[in-house]
C-alpha cells in the first residue's frame, strides 16, 4: 500500500480503484455505521482513539472511512443541491476523495450518550487540538488544517485524519500538508 499517495482536487484515483486490504471496522462507529478502512490505518486509529478517549470525557469514534466512487458521487450530488458550487470547498468530486484510498478517517463524537455530528465542532476544540498535536504519533495528520486552505483547496476539517505512516512526524513538525511534502521532497 502506498501510504504517501496524493489524492486531491487534481490527483484522482479513477472510478474503479478499491484498496486491496480493506477491513471492516469492529469498534463503535458514529451512528452505528458500517465502515471499512485500510488494514494498517484501522490498527493505528484504534490506538489513537483508545488514547484520546482516556484524555477526554467525550467518546470519540470513527465516523467515516473508505468510500467507493459511487458513494462519493451520491454525497456530492446531495450537497450540490444544498450548497451549489460551495459544496466543492468541503467535498471532493468522485475519484478525487481521499476516502476512496481507505487511508482517510473522519472522527465523530458521543456526548452524554448522544451522537454529535462532526460538523458541530465548536464543542470539541480541546479534542481537535489534541489531534493536531498528537495524531502523528500514530501515523496520522490532520489533512486539512485551518491555515492551509489555499494549498489543499478544502475548508478546515479538524476531524479529517489521513494515515501517512512514518512521515507523519516530519509533516507535523514542519507544518506541511501532503501537497507541500510532495513539492519539497518528491519533486525533481
Protein backbone atom coordinates (compact mmCIF):
# COMPACT_ATOMS: atom_id res chain seq x y z
CA UNK A 1 0.00 0.00 0.00
CA UNK A 2 1.29 3.43 -0.91
CA UNK A 3 0.73 5.42 2.28
CA UNK A 4 2.05 8.57 0.61
CA UNK A 5 -0.36 8.55 -2.33
CA UNK A 6 -1.55 12.05 -3.04
CA UNK A 7 -5.24 12.31 -3.72
CA UNK A 8 -6.66 15.80 -4.02
CA UNK A 9 -8.59 18.03 -6.41
CA UNK A 10 -6.08 17.41 -9.22
CA UNK A 11 -4.82 13.88 -8.46
CA UNK A 12 -7.53 11.27 -8.75
CA UNK A 13 -7.84 7.54 -8.40
CA UNK A 14 -10.33 6.63 -11.08
CA UNK A 15 -13.76 5.14 -10.88
CA UNK A 16 -12.70 1.56 -10.21
CA UNK A 17 -9.98 1.99 -7.59
CA UNK A 18 -10.56 -0.13 -4.49
CA UNK A 19 -7.79 -0.76 -1.92
CA UNK A 20 -6.92 -4.45 -1.76
CA UNK A 21 -6.59 -4.65 2.03
CA UNK A 22 -9.81 -3.18 3.41
CA UNK A 23 -11.05 -4.47 6.75
CA UNK A 24 -14.37 -3.95 8.48
CA UNK A 25 -14.28 -1.64 11.50
CA UNK A 26 -15.28 -3.69 14.53
CA UNK A 27 -15.33 -0.92 17.13
CA UNK A 28 -18.12 1.55 17.82
CA UNK A 29 -18.76 3.94 14.93
CA UNK A 30 -20.71 7.16 14.51
CA UNK A 31 -24.37 6.30 14.37
CA UNK A 32 -23.55 2.59 14.16
CA UNK A 33 -22.40 2.89 10.54
CA UNK A 34 -20.75 0.00 8.73
CA UNK A 35 -17.26 1.32 7.92
CA UNK A 36 -14.19 -0.13 6.22
CA UNK A 37 -10.57 1.08 6.40
CA UNK A 38 -7.20 0.02 5.05
CA UNK A 39 -5.80 -2.58 7.45
CA UNK A 40 -2.86 -0.64 8.96
CA UNK A 41 -4.91 2.57 9.10
CA UNK A 42 -7.52 0.74 11.15
CA UNK A 43 -4.91 -0.72 13.50
CA UNK A 44 -3.43 2.72 14.16
CA UNK A 45 -6.73 4.62 14.50
CA UNK A 46 -7.81 2.13 17.17
CA UNK A 47 -4.68 3.00 19.17
CA UNK A 48 -5.24 6.72 18.68
CA UNK A 49 -8.90 6.51 19.75
CA UNK A 50 -8.03 4.47 22.83
CA UNK A 51 -5.53 7.13 23.94
CA UNK A 52 -7.64 10.21 23.14
CA UNK A 53 -10.67 8.71 24.85
CA UNK A 54 -8.59 8.33 28.03
CA UNK A 55 -7.91 12.09 27.91
CA UNK A 56 -11.45 13.39 27.47
CA UNK A 57 -14.93 12.75 28.81
CA UNK A 58 -16.26 12.62 25.23
CA UNK A 59 -16.37 9.29 23.42
CA UNK A 60 -14.61 9.76 20.10
CA UNK A 61 -15.35 7.26 17.33
CA UNK A 62 -14.81 6.63 13.62
CA UNK A 63 -17.48 8.46 11.63
CA UNK A 64 -16.31 7.73 8.11
CA UNK A 65 -13.65 5.68 6.34
CA UNK A 66 -13.46 4.10 2.89
CA UNK A 67 -15.95 5.49 0.39
CA UNK A 68 -16.38 3.92 -3.03
CA UNK A 69 -16.66 6.16 -6.09
CA UNK A 70 -20.44 5.79 -6.35
CA UNK A 71 -20.96 6.66 -2.67
CA UNK A 72 -18.91 9.86 -3.11
CA UNK A 73 -20.87 10.66 -6.26
CA UNK A 74 -24.15 10.46 -4.34
CA UNK A 75 -22.79 12.52 -1.42
CA UNK A 76 -21.69 15.27 -3.78
CA UNK A 77 -24.97 15.25 -5.67
CA UNK A 78 -26.87 15.79 -2.41
CA UNK A 79 -24.51 18.51 -1.19
CA UNK A 80 -24.64 20.35 -4.54
CA UNK A 81 -28.43 20.58 -4.22
CA UNK A 82 -27.99 22.12 -0.77
CA UNK A 83 -24.93 24.37 -1.25
CA UNK A 84 -24.45 24.71 -5.03
CA UNK A 85 -20.82 25.39 -6.04
CA UNK A 86 -19.79 25.97 -2.42
CA UNK A 87 -20.08 22.19 -1.99
CA UNK A 88 -16.70 21.77 -3.73
CA UNK A 89 -14.95 23.54 -0.80
CA UNK A 90 -15.82 20.74 1.59
CA UNK A 91 -16.41 17.63 -0.51
CA UNK A 92 -14.29 16.02 -3.21
CA UNK A 93 -15.51 15.01 -6.62
CA UNK A 94 -15.90 11.25 -7.09
CA UNK A 95 -12.50 9.69 -7.79
CA UNK A 96 -10.73 12.60 -6.06
CA UNK A 97 -11.61 11.78 -2.46
CA UNK A 98 -9.01 10.52 -0.01
CA UNK A 99 -11.73 8.37 1.47
CA UNK A 100 -11.56 6.16 -1.63
CA UNK A 101 -8.00 5.20 -0.60
CA UNK A 102 -9.14 3.68 2.70
CA UNK A 103 -6.47 5.86 4.41
CA UNK A 104 -8.75 8.73 5.46
CA UNK A 105 -10.73 8.71 8.69
CA UNK A 106 -13.33 11.19 9.85
CA UNK A 107 -13.97 11.13 13.56
CA UNK A 108 -17.21 11.84 15.41
CA UNK A 109 -18.31 12.23 18.98
CA UNK A 110 -20.72 10.81 21.51
CA UNK A 111 -21.53 13.16 24.32
CA UNK A 112 -23.82 12.13 27.17
CA UNK A 113 -24.75 9.04 25.16
CA UNK A 114 -25.86 11.01 22.08
CA UNK A 115 -24.09 11.10 18.75
CA UNK A 116 -22.91 14.58 17.73
CA UNK A 117 -22.16 15.17 14.03
CA UNK A 118 -18.55 16.13 13.39
CA UNK A 119 -19.58 19.46 11.88
CA UNK A 120 -20.73 20.74 15.27
CA UNK A 121 -17.11 21.06 16.29
CA UNK A 122 -17.20 24.20 18.43
CA UNK A 123 -17.76 21.98 21.48
CA UNK A 124 -14.67 19.89 20.79
CA UNK A 125 -11.82 22.41 20.47
CA UNK A 126 -9.66 20.62 23.08
CA UNK A 127 -10.05 17.29 21.34
CA UNK A 128 -9.14 18.77 17.97
CA UNK A 129 -6.09 20.47 19.48
CA UNK A 130 -5.03 17.11 20.95
CA UNK A 131 -5.36 15.55 17.48
CA UNK A 132 -3.32 18.32 15.88
CA UNK A 133 -0.55 17.83 18.45
CA UNK A 134 -0.61 14.03 18.78
CA UNK A 135 -2.01 12.34 15.66
CA UNK A 136 1.48 11.98 14.17
CA UNK A 137 2.42 9.55 16.96
CA UNK A 138 0.03 7.10 15.34
CA UNK A 139 0.97 7.88 11.71
CA UNK A 140 -1.83 10.41 11.05
CA UNK A 141 -2.00 14.06 10.08
CA UNK A 142 -4.90 16.49 10.21
CA UNK A 143 -5.23 16.63 6.45
CA UNK A 144 -6.99 19.98 6.02
CA UNK A 145 -5.51 22.49 8.51
CA UNK A 146 -7.08 25.91 9.02
CA UNK A 147 -4.07 27.82 7.71
CA UNK A 148 -3.60 25.74 4.55
CA UNK A 149 -6.93 26.09 2.74
CA UNK A 150 -5.28 27.81 -0.23
CA UNK A 151 -2.95 24.81 -0.62
CA UNK A 152 -5.35 21.92 -0.01
CA UNK A 153 -8.38 23.54 -1.63
CA UNK A 154 -10.59 22.47 1.28
CA UNK A 155 -12.00 24.25 4.28
CA UNK A 156 -10.61 23.46 7.73
CA UNK A 157 -11.64 19.94 8.73
CA UNK A 158 -10.09 19.10 12.09
CA UNK A 159 -12.00 15.79 12.12
CA UNK A 160 -10.45 14.52 8.86
CA UNK A 161 -7.32 12.47 9.56
CA UNK A 162 -5.12 10.87 6.94
CA UNK A 163 -2.82 7.95 7.59
CA UNK A 164 0.63 8.62 6.09
CA UNK A 165 2.73 6.33 8.27
CA UNK A 166 6.31 7.22 9.16
CA UNK A 167 6.34 10.71 7.62
CA UNK A 168 3.55 11.97 9.91
CA UNK A 169 6.04 13.31 12.44
CA UNK A 170 8.01 15.20 9.77
CA UNK A 171 4.83 16.72 8.30
CA UNK A 172 3.65 17.80 11.75
CA UNK A 173 6.98 19.22 12.91
CA UNK A 174 7.48 21.13 9.64
CA UNK A 175 3.79 22.12 9.41
CA UNK A 176 3.49 20.67 5.91
CA UNK A 177 0.47 19.42 4.04
CA UNK A 178 0.85 16.36 1.85
CA UNK A 179 0.94 18.69 -1.17
CA UNK A 180 3.81 20.67 0.36
CA UNK A 181 5.67 17.46 1.20
CA UNK A 182 5.42 16.37 -2.44
CA UNK A 183 6.65 19.76 -3.63
CA UNK A 184 9.52 19.95 -1.13
CA UNK A 185 10.74 16.34 -1.06
CA UNK A 186 9.45 14.41 -4.05
CA UNK A 187 9.60 16.84 -7.00
CA UNK A 188 12.66 16.72 -9.24
